Protein backbone atom coordinates (compact mmCIF):
# COMPACT_ATOMS: atom_id res chain seq x y z
CA MET A 1 -21.05 90.07 52.29
CA GLU A 2 -18.46 88.11 50.34
CA VAL A 3 -14.86 88.36 51.57
CA THR A 4 -12.58 89.85 48.94
CA PRO A 5 -8.97 88.66 48.58
CA THR A 6 -7.43 91.86 49.91
CA GLY A 7 -4.49 92.11 52.23
CA GLU A 8 -6.81 93.10 55.08
CA GLY A 9 -9.01 90.07 54.46
CA ARG A 10 -6.05 87.73 54.40
CA THR A 11 -4.68 89.24 57.60
CA HIS A 12 -8.04 88.88 59.33
CA HIS A 13 -8.38 85.31 58.11
CA THR A 14 -4.89 84.41 59.27
CA GLY A 15 -5.48 85.95 62.68
CA LEU A 16 -8.62 83.91 63.17
CA LEU A 17 -6.87 80.70 62.15
CA ILE A 18 -4.07 81.45 64.59
CA LEU A 19 -6.69 81.97 67.29
CA LEU A 20 -8.23 78.62 66.36
CA ALA A 21 -4.85 76.90 66.63
CA ALA A 22 -4.30 78.48 70.04
CA LEU A 23 -7.71 77.30 71.22
CA ALA A 24 -6.90 73.81 70.00
CA LEU A 25 -3.71 73.77 72.04
CA ILE A 26 -5.50 75.14 75.09
CA SER A 27 -8.29 72.60 74.80
CA GLY A 28 -5.82 69.76 74.52
CA ILE A 29 -4.11 70.88 77.70
CA SER A 30 -6.97 71.96 79.93
CA LEU A 31 -9.97 69.73 79.14
CA PRO A 32 -10.66 66.75 81.42
CA LEU A 33 -9.27 63.52 80.00
CA ALA A 34 -12.60 61.74 80.10
CA HIS A 35 -16.12 62.05 81.38
CA GLY A 36 -17.56 59.67 83.95
CA GLN A 37 -20.75 59.24 81.95
CA LEU A 38 -21.17 57.19 78.81
CA VAL A 39 -24.04 57.04 76.32
CA LEU A 40 -24.98 53.36 76.36
CA ALA A 41 -27.85 53.35 73.89
CA THR A 42 -30.12 55.46 71.71
CA VAL A 43 -33.76 54.39 71.60
CA SER A 44 -36.15 55.46 68.84
CA VAL A 45 -39.54 56.58 70.19
CA GLY A 46 -42.49 58.66 68.93
CA GLU A 47 -42.55 62.10 67.35
CA ASN A 48 -41.15 64.99 69.41
CA PRO A 49 -40.55 63.25 72.76
CA VAL A 50 -40.47 65.69 75.68
CA GLY A 51 -41.57 64.59 79.17
CA ILE A 52 -40.20 61.42 80.76
CA ALA A 53 -40.51 59.49 84.03
CA TYR A 54 -39.02 56.32 85.53
CA ASP A 55 -41.31 53.59 86.92
CA SER A 56 -39.27 51.81 89.61
CA ALA A 57 -41.78 48.97 90.11
CA ALA A 58 -41.96 47.92 86.46
CA GLY A 59 -38.40 48.87 85.53
CA GLU A 60 -39.74 50.97 82.69
CA VAL A 61 -39.41 54.51 81.39
CA PHE A 62 -42.45 56.39 80.07
CA VAL A 63 -41.93 59.01 77.34
CA ALA A 64 -44.53 61.57 76.21
CA ASN A 65 -44.47 62.08 72.43
CA TYR A 66 -45.83 65.60 72.02
CA PHE A 67 -46.70 65.56 68.29
CA GLN A 68 -47.90 61.95 68.17
CA ASN A 69 -50.32 61.97 71.15
CA THR A 70 -48.74 58.81 72.49
CA VAL A 71 -46.56 57.58 75.34
CA SER A 72 -43.70 55.18 74.55
CA VAL A 73 -42.85 52.61 77.22
CA ILE A 74 -39.16 51.61 77.33
CA SER A 75 -37.86 48.56 79.19
CA ASP A 76 -34.72 49.60 81.06
CA SER A 77 -33.34 46.04 80.87
CA THR A 78 -33.33 45.91 77.07
CA ASN A 79 -33.50 49.61 76.14
CA THR A 80 -36.29 48.88 73.69
CA VAL A 81 -39.85 50.17 73.33
CA VAL A 82 -42.25 47.53 74.66
CA ALA A 83 -45.54 49.44 74.34
CA SER A 84 -47.14 52.56 72.92
CA VAL A 85 -50.12 54.13 74.69
CA ASN A 86 -52.57 56.58 73.11
CA VAL A 87 -53.30 59.57 75.35
CA GLY A 88 -54.71 63.10 74.91
CA SER A 89 -53.64 65.90 72.60
CA GLU A 90 -50.03 67.11 72.87
CA PRO A 91 -48.77 65.15 75.89
CA GLY A 92 -45.92 66.89 77.69
CA GLY A 93 -45.20 66.08 81.33
CA VAL A 94 -45.04 62.66 82.98
CA ALA A 95 -45.04 61.72 86.68
CA TYR A 96 -44.90 58.30 88.36
CA ASP A 97 -47.24 57.45 91.26
CA SER A 98 -45.39 54.72 93.16
CA ALA A 99 -48.26 53.96 95.55
CA ARG A 100 -50.74 53.04 92.84
CA GLY A 101 -48.41 51.93 90.05
CA GLU A 102 -49.70 54.59 87.71
CA LEU A 103 -48.28 57.20 85.34
CA PHE A 104 -49.82 60.65 85.06
CA VAL A 105 -49.45 62.41 81.68
CA THR A 106 -50.38 66.04 80.95
CA ASN A 107 -52.18 66.72 77.66
CA SER A 108 -51.49 70.40 77.02
CA ASN A 109 -53.91 70.89 74.15
CA SER A 110 -56.70 68.88 75.81
CA SER A 111 -56.29 70.49 79.25
CA THR A 112 -56.46 67.03 80.73
CA VAL A 113 -54.29 64.46 82.50
CA SER A 114 -54.27 60.83 81.33
CA ILE A 115 -53.64 58.15 83.96
CA ILE A 116 -51.89 54.98 82.74
CA SER A 117 -51.73 51.70 84.66
CA ASP A 118 -48.21 50.30 84.49
CA SER A 119 -49.54 46.74 84.77
CA THR A 120 -51.64 46.98 81.60
CA ASN A 121 -50.08 49.99 79.81
CA ALA A 122 -53.59 51.30 79.25
CA VAL A 123 -55.31 54.58 80.16
CA VAL A 124 -57.56 54.00 83.17
CA ALA A 125 -58.79 57.58 83.73
CA THR A 126 -58.76 61.09 82.26
CA VAL A 127 -58.88 64.09 84.59
CA PRO A 128 -59.80 67.66 83.44
CA VAL A 129 -57.36 70.26 84.82
CA GLY A 130 -56.43 73.87 84.06
CA ASN A 131 -55.50 75.46 80.75
CA GLY A 132 -52.33 74.18 79.08
CA PRO A 133 -50.99 71.67 81.62
CA ALA A 134 -47.22 71.29 81.29
CA ASP A 135 -45.18 69.43 83.91
CA MET A 136 -46.20 67.86 87.22
CA ALA A 137 -44.90 66.09 90.33
CA TYR A 138 -46.16 63.34 92.65
CA ASP A 139 -46.54 63.95 96.40
CA SER A 140 -45.92 60.53 97.96
CA ALA A 141 -46.99 61.62 101.47
CA LYS A 142 -50.50 62.77 100.53
CA GLY A 143 -51.03 60.70 97.40
CA GLU A 144 -51.52 63.77 95.25
CA VAL A 145 -50.24 65.02 91.92
CA PHE A 146 -49.46 68.71 91.35
CA VAL A 147 -50.01 69.89 87.76
CA ALA A 148 -48.68 73.22 86.42
CA ASN A 149 -51.25 74.85 84.11
CA SER A 150 -49.00 77.02 81.96
CA TYR A 151 -51.78 79.09 80.37
CA GLY A 152 -53.90 79.39 83.49
CA ASN A 153 -51.20 80.48 85.97
CA THR A 154 -52.45 77.85 88.38
CA VAL A 155 -51.54 74.44 89.79
CA SER A 156 -54.19 71.71 89.88
CA VAL A 157 -53.95 69.22 92.76
CA ILE A 158 -55.22 65.74 91.85
CA SER A 159 -56.02 63.08 94.46
CA ASP A 160 -54.81 59.70 93.23
CA ALA A 161 -57.52 58.03 95.33
CA SER A 162 -60.39 59.69 93.49
CA ASN A 163 -58.65 60.77 90.25
CA ALA A 164 -60.22 64.19 90.68
CA VAL A 165 -58.97 67.74 91.27
CA VAL A 166 -59.22 68.57 94.97
CA ALA A 167 -57.59 72.02 94.93
CA THR A 168 -56.40 74.78 92.60
CA VAL A 169 -53.48 77.01 93.62
CA SER A 170 -52.67 80.36 91.99
CA VAL A 171 -48.96 80.77 91.24
CA GLY A 172 -46.80 82.95 88.96
CA ASN A 173 -47.01 83.64 85.25
CA SER A 174 -46.65 80.64 82.89
CA PRO A 175 -45.88 77.88 85.41
CA PHE A 176 -43.94 75.09 83.75
CA GLY A 177 -41.75 72.75 85.82
CA VAL A 178 -42.78 71.14 89.14
CA ALA A 179 -40.80 69.30 91.83
CA TYR A 180 -41.83 67.76 95.16
CA ASP A 181 -39.68 68.23 98.28
CA PRO A 182 -40.59 65.46 100.77
CA GLY A 183 -38.21 66.84 103.38
CA LYS A 184 -40.21 70.04 103.76
CA SER A 185 -43.56 68.80 102.39
CA GLU A 186 -43.46 71.49 99.75
CA VAL A 187 -43.89 71.72 96.00
CA PHE A 188 -41.70 74.01 93.89
CA VAL A 189 -43.11 75.47 90.65
CA ALA A 190 -41.01 77.25 88.01
CA ASN A 191 -42.84 80.30 86.60
CA TYR A 192 -41.38 80.75 83.12
CA SER A 193 -42.48 84.32 82.39
CA ASP A 194 -42.00 85.68 85.94
CA ASN A 195 -38.44 84.42 86.44
CA THR A 196 -39.58 83.06 89.80
CA THR A 197 -40.24 79.81 91.60
CA SER A 198 -43.35 79.46 93.75
CA VAL A 199 -43.17 77.35 96.91
CA ILE A 200 -46.44 75.60 97.82
CA SER A 201 -47.16 74.05 101.21
CA VAL A 202 -48.88 70.71 100.59
CA ALA A 203 -50.56 70.95 104.00
CA THR A 204 -52.50 74.08 103.08
CA ASN A 205 -52.22 74.17 99.26
CA THR A 206 -51.09 77.79 99.43
CA VAL A 207 -47.98 79.61 98.21
CA VAL A 208 -45.68 80.25 101.18
CA ALA A 209 -42.72 81.79 99.33
CA THR A 210 -41.62 83.15 95.97
CA VAL A 211 -37.97 82.80 94.94
CA HIS A 212 -36.35 84.90 92.21
CA VAL A 213 -34.20 82.83 89.85
CA GLY A 214 -32.80 83.27 86.32
CA ARG A 215 -34.64 84.12 83.13
CA GLY A 216 -37.11 81.61 81.75
CA PRO A 217 -37.10 78.96 84.49
CA SER A 218 -38.36 75.69 83.02
CA GLY A 219 -37.53 72.34 84.57
CA LEU A 220 -36.49 71.73 88.17
CA ALA A 221 -35.58 68.83 90.44
CA TYR A 222 -35.17 68.12 94.15
CA ASP A 223 -31.83 66.96 95.53
CA PRO A 224 -32.57 64.93 98.70
CA ALA A 225 -28.94 64.75 99.79
CA LYS A 226 -28.57 68.51 100.06
CA GLY A 227 -32.16 69.64 100.57
CA GLU A 228 -31.89 71.81 97.50
CA ILE A 229 -33.86 72.52 94.35
CA PHE A 230 -32.07 72.90 90.99
CA VAL A 231 -33.87 75.15 88.49
CA ALA A 232 -32.97 75.29 84.77
CA ASN A 233 -33.14 78.88 83.51
CA SER A 234 -33.62 78.40 79.77
CA ASN A 235 -33.06 82.04 78.78
CA SER A 236 -30.05 82.62 81.07
CA ASN A 237 -28.05 79.48 80.25
CA THR A 238 -27.78 78.86 83.99
CA THR A 239 -29.13 76.65 86.74
CA SER A 240 -30.23 78.22 90.03
CA VAL A 241 -29.76 76.34 93.31
CA ILE A 242 -32.44 76.99 95.96
CA SER A 243 -32.05 76.03 99.62
CA ASP A 244 -35.30 74.61 100.98
CA GLU A 245 -34.30 75.77 104.47
CA THR A 246 -34.35 79.44 103.54
CA ASP A 247 -36.32 79.40 100.27
CA THR A 248 -33.61 81.53 98.67
CA ALA A 249 -31.31 81.05 95.69
CA ILE A 250 -27.84 80.26 97.07
CA ALA A 251 -25.92 79.61 93.84
CA THR A 252 -26.06 80.07 90.09
CA VAL A 253 -24.31 77.54 87.86
CA PRO A 254 -23.48 78.33 84.19
CA VAL A 255 -24.48 75.39 81.99
CA GLY A 256 -25.13 74.88 78.27
CA TYR A 257 -27.31 76.65 75.74
CA SER A 258 -30.98 76.91 76.77
CA PRO A 259 -31.25 74.45 79.68
CA ILE A 260 -34.73 73.05 80.10
CA GLY A 261 -34.86 69.68 81.90
CA VAL A 262 -33.37 68.63 85.26
CA ALA A 263 -32.97 65.32 87.13
CA CYS A 264 -30.98 64.38 90.22
CA ASP A 265 -28.79 61.33 90.78
CA PRO A 266 -28.72 61.22 94.60
CA THR A 267 -26.35 58.24 94.67
CA LYS A 268 -23.49 60.15 93.04
CA GLY A 269 -24.64 63.60 94.14
CA GLU A 270 -24.96 64.83 90.58
CA VAL A 271 -27.60 66.82 88.72
CA PHE A 272 -28.24 66.35 85.00
CA VAL A 273 -29.41 69.37 82.98
CA THR A 274 -30.51 69.11 79.34
CA ASN A 275 -29.37 71.96 77.10
CA TYR A 276 -32.07 72.24 74.43
CA TYR A 277 -30.18 74.25 71.80
CA GLY A 278 -26.79 72.80 72.71
CA SER A 279 -27.71 69.14 72.13
CA THR A 280 -25.81 68.35 75.32
CA ALA A 281 -26.40 67.53 78.96
CA SER A 282 -24.47 69.31 81.71
CA VAL A 283 -23.58 67.31 84.82
CA ILE A 284 -23.41 69.38 88.04
CA SER A 285 -21.79 68.18 91.26
CA ASP A 286 -24.06 69.11 94.16
CA ALA A 287 -20.99 69.24 96.42
CA THR A 288 -19.36 72.08 94.49
CA ASN A 289 -22.25 73.49 92.42
CA ALA A 290 -20.02 73.30 89.37
CA VAL A 291 -20.27 71.49 86.03
CA VAL A 292 -18.07 68.38 86.09
CA ALA A 293 -18.97 66.95 82.67
CA THR A 294 -20.75 67.80 79.43
CA ILE A 295 -22.26 64.95 77.43
CA ALA A 296 -23.23 65.05 73.76
CA VAL A 297 -26.71 63.60 73.28
CA GLY A 298 -29.35 63.86 70.54
CA HIS A 299 -30.88 66.91 68.92
CA SER A 300 -32.88 69.29 71.14
CA PRO A 301 -32.77 67.34 74.43
CA ALA A 302 -35.71 68.19 76.68
CA GLY A 303 -36.82 65.83 79.44
CA VAL A 304 -34.56 63.81 81.73
CA ALA A 305 -35.21 61.04 84.27
CA TYR A 306 -32.97 59.06 86.63
CA ASP A 307 -33.27 55.24 86.78
CA SER A 308 -32.23 54.35 90.33
CA ALA A 309 -32.16 50.57 89.78
CA ARG A 310 -29.63 50.65 86.95
CA GLY A 311 -27.81 53.88 87.69
CA GLU A 312 -28.77 55.35 84.34
CA VAL A 313 -30.18 58.62 83.05
CA PHE A 314 -32.71 58.76 80.20
CA ILE A 315 -32.90 61.92 78.08
CA THR A 316 -35.57 62.70 75.47
CA ASN A 317 -34.19 64.20 72.26
CA SER A 318 -37.19 66.06 70.86
CA GLY A 319 -35.45 67.00 67.62
CA ASP A 320 -34.62 63.49 66.42
CA ASN A 321 -37.32 61.39 68.13
CA THR A 322 -34.95 59.41 70.30
CA VAL A 323 -34.01 58.80 73.92
CA SER A 324 -30.35 58.73 75.02
CA VAL A 325 -29.44 56.28 77.79
CA ILE A 326 -26.48 57.40 79.92
CA SER A 327 -24.58 55.38 82.49
CA THR A 328 -23.70 57.28 85.67
CA GLY A 329 -21.74 54.50 87.36
CA ILE A 330 -18.35 54.98 85.70
CA THR A 331 -15.61 56.69 87.69
CA THR A 332 -14.47 60.02 86.27
CA PRO A 333 -10.70 60.39 85.81
CA SER A 334 -9.27 63.62 87.19
CA THR A 335 -7.71 66.27 84.99
CA SER A 336 -4.24 65.52 86.30
CA THR A 337 -4.11 61.72 86.50
CA LEU A 338 -5.38 58.91 84.31
CA SER A 339 -7.79 56.37 85.71
CA SER A 340 -6.56 52.80 85.76
CA THR A 341 -9.79 51.72 84.12
CA ALA A 342 -11.81 53.18 81.31
CA PRO A 343 -15.44 52.70 80.24
CA SER A 344 -16.35 50.24 77.54
CA VAL A 345 -19.71 49.13 76.22
CA SER A 346 -20.71 45.48 76.14
CA ASN A 347 -22.53 43.96 73.18
CA SER A 348 -25.80 43.77 75.06
CA PRO A 349 -27.87 46.99 75.26
CA GLY A 350 -28.34 48.67 78.61
CA SER A 351 -25.17 47.32 80.20
CA ALA A 352 -21.69 48.66 80.79
CA SER A 353 -18.41 47.14 81.81
CA THR A 354 -14.90 48.27 82.61
CA SER A 355 -11.64 47.12 81.15
CA SER A 356 -8.32 47.47 82.96
CA SER A 357 -6.09 46.39 80.09
CA SER A 358 -6.15 49.68 78.23
CA GLY A 359 -7.45 52.23 80.70
CA ALA A 360 -5.07 55.04 79.86
CA SER A 361 -5.46 54.80 76.11
CA SER A 362 -9.26 54.52 76.39
CA SER A 363 -9.42 57.61 78.60
CA ILE A 364 -7.32 59.56 76.15
CA SER A 365 -9.38 58.42 73.18
CA TRP A 366 -12.66 59.49 74.81
CA SER A 367 -11.11 62.82 75.69
CA TYR A 368 -9.82 63.54 72.24
CA VAL A 369 -13.11 62.65 70.59
CA GLY A 370 -14.51 65.57 72.55
CA ILE A 371 -11.54 67.78 71.71
CA VAL A 372 -11.80 67.06 67.99
CA ALA A 373 -15.54 67.79 68.06
CA ILE A 374 -15.00 71.09 69.85
CA ASN A 375 -12.25 72.19 67.48
CA ALA A 376 -14.26 71.18 64.43
CA THR A 377 -17.09 73.37 65.72
CA LEU A 378 -14.69 76.25 66.30
CA PHE A 379 -13.34 75.86 62.78
CA LEU A 380 -16.83 76.08 61.31
CA VAL A 381 -17.53 79.17 63.40
CA VAL A 382 -14.31 80.79 62.17
CA CYS A 383 -15.15 80.02 58.57
CA GLY A 384 -18.58 81.53 59.09
CA LEU A 385 -17.10 84.68 60.58
CA VAL A 386 -14.79 85.05 57.60
CA ALA A 387 -17.55 84.48 55.06
CA ILE A 388 -20.21 86.54 56.83
CA ARG A 389 -18.56 89.61 58.29
CA GLY A 390 -20.55 90.97 61.18
CA LYS A 391 -23.69 88.85 60.73
CA LYS A 392 -24.72 86.79 63.75
CA PRO A 393 -27.74 84.53 64.09
CA ILE A 394 -30.17 85.31 66.90
CA PRO A 395 -31.43 82.10 68.51
CA ALA A 396 -35.11 81.87 69.31
CA ALA A 397 -36.10 81.59 72.96
CA ILE A 398 -37.65 78.40 74.29
CA THR A 399 -41.39 78.81 74.59
CA VAL A 400 -43.79 76.95 76.82
CA PRO A 401 -45.63 74.25 74.83
């Protein structure tokens, strides 16, 4: 409906603009002055990148390109693609096997897993699994890979010694994300349609517990410092925190819009959550179970992986065929005091430095970039509300590939 120039319309419009001005003032006062994370680089990869894993031996990051049936290999020293590997149909999840120097890639439309040698960047084996394999995790103690079959409601267990399935475990409805807990020798599986997480004992390959979480649990990650599992609930806009001691959810953290991927930075005690429809990543402190930063990344961020050697986080942006590289090693200024140093990017990709000569002004500038972006978004929303009275878009839910 078009807004007519009546007195009521003008009053409504003015009230909304006043509200916008108030929000601008509030944001300028209350937002943190800077974030401790900085996007260092954006790397172009294949079409619709989703799953991602870090290879610590080769210093490379492997990215599954869902619509291109390829895996892009990124060097973390140059932040450039150094190889492209053809795999099965619709690759989604990626897991690194440190013992054998291999990458496991789920092919959801082929119901197979491709195994890539990181020394040759070539497929060395293809393993049939269940229907619609999504994500997976590597069990370093037993040398096994656990694959969530999203259409079969099962988990396939692959031995990396024989490259064959040695067990099949029934779990919840539409299993999606998988994480391995070496402290308890358990595997956690997010069941998207059940709003639960199954806990599998790797000793018996049986489900020993079922934990209720938020709606649409997708990705999840293990935090070794706290012995906790962080689960992204894509339809609740929250992240559940599960204690592996009790196999119960002990906290729920509000994050961005449609969280889907999770990775843990154990060095800083932070958890990175990709917000698919928000084009952001939320950073959660595992000490407080609260969001301490929100980072703008590419369009439709999905997968996320932590690079322990360089202290960086790699995020796949499925909507614009890129990977964002984020530094985690920059100190975050508090909301009340300015840091004496501020982040700056060097001319070489994949590196970061600090400058003490203009710390305060740099912190303020990074802060106000965020403030301006937020207020610009609010302004567009207000204009939309004025132009379209009462009409609100209904976002589509994330579906399992």
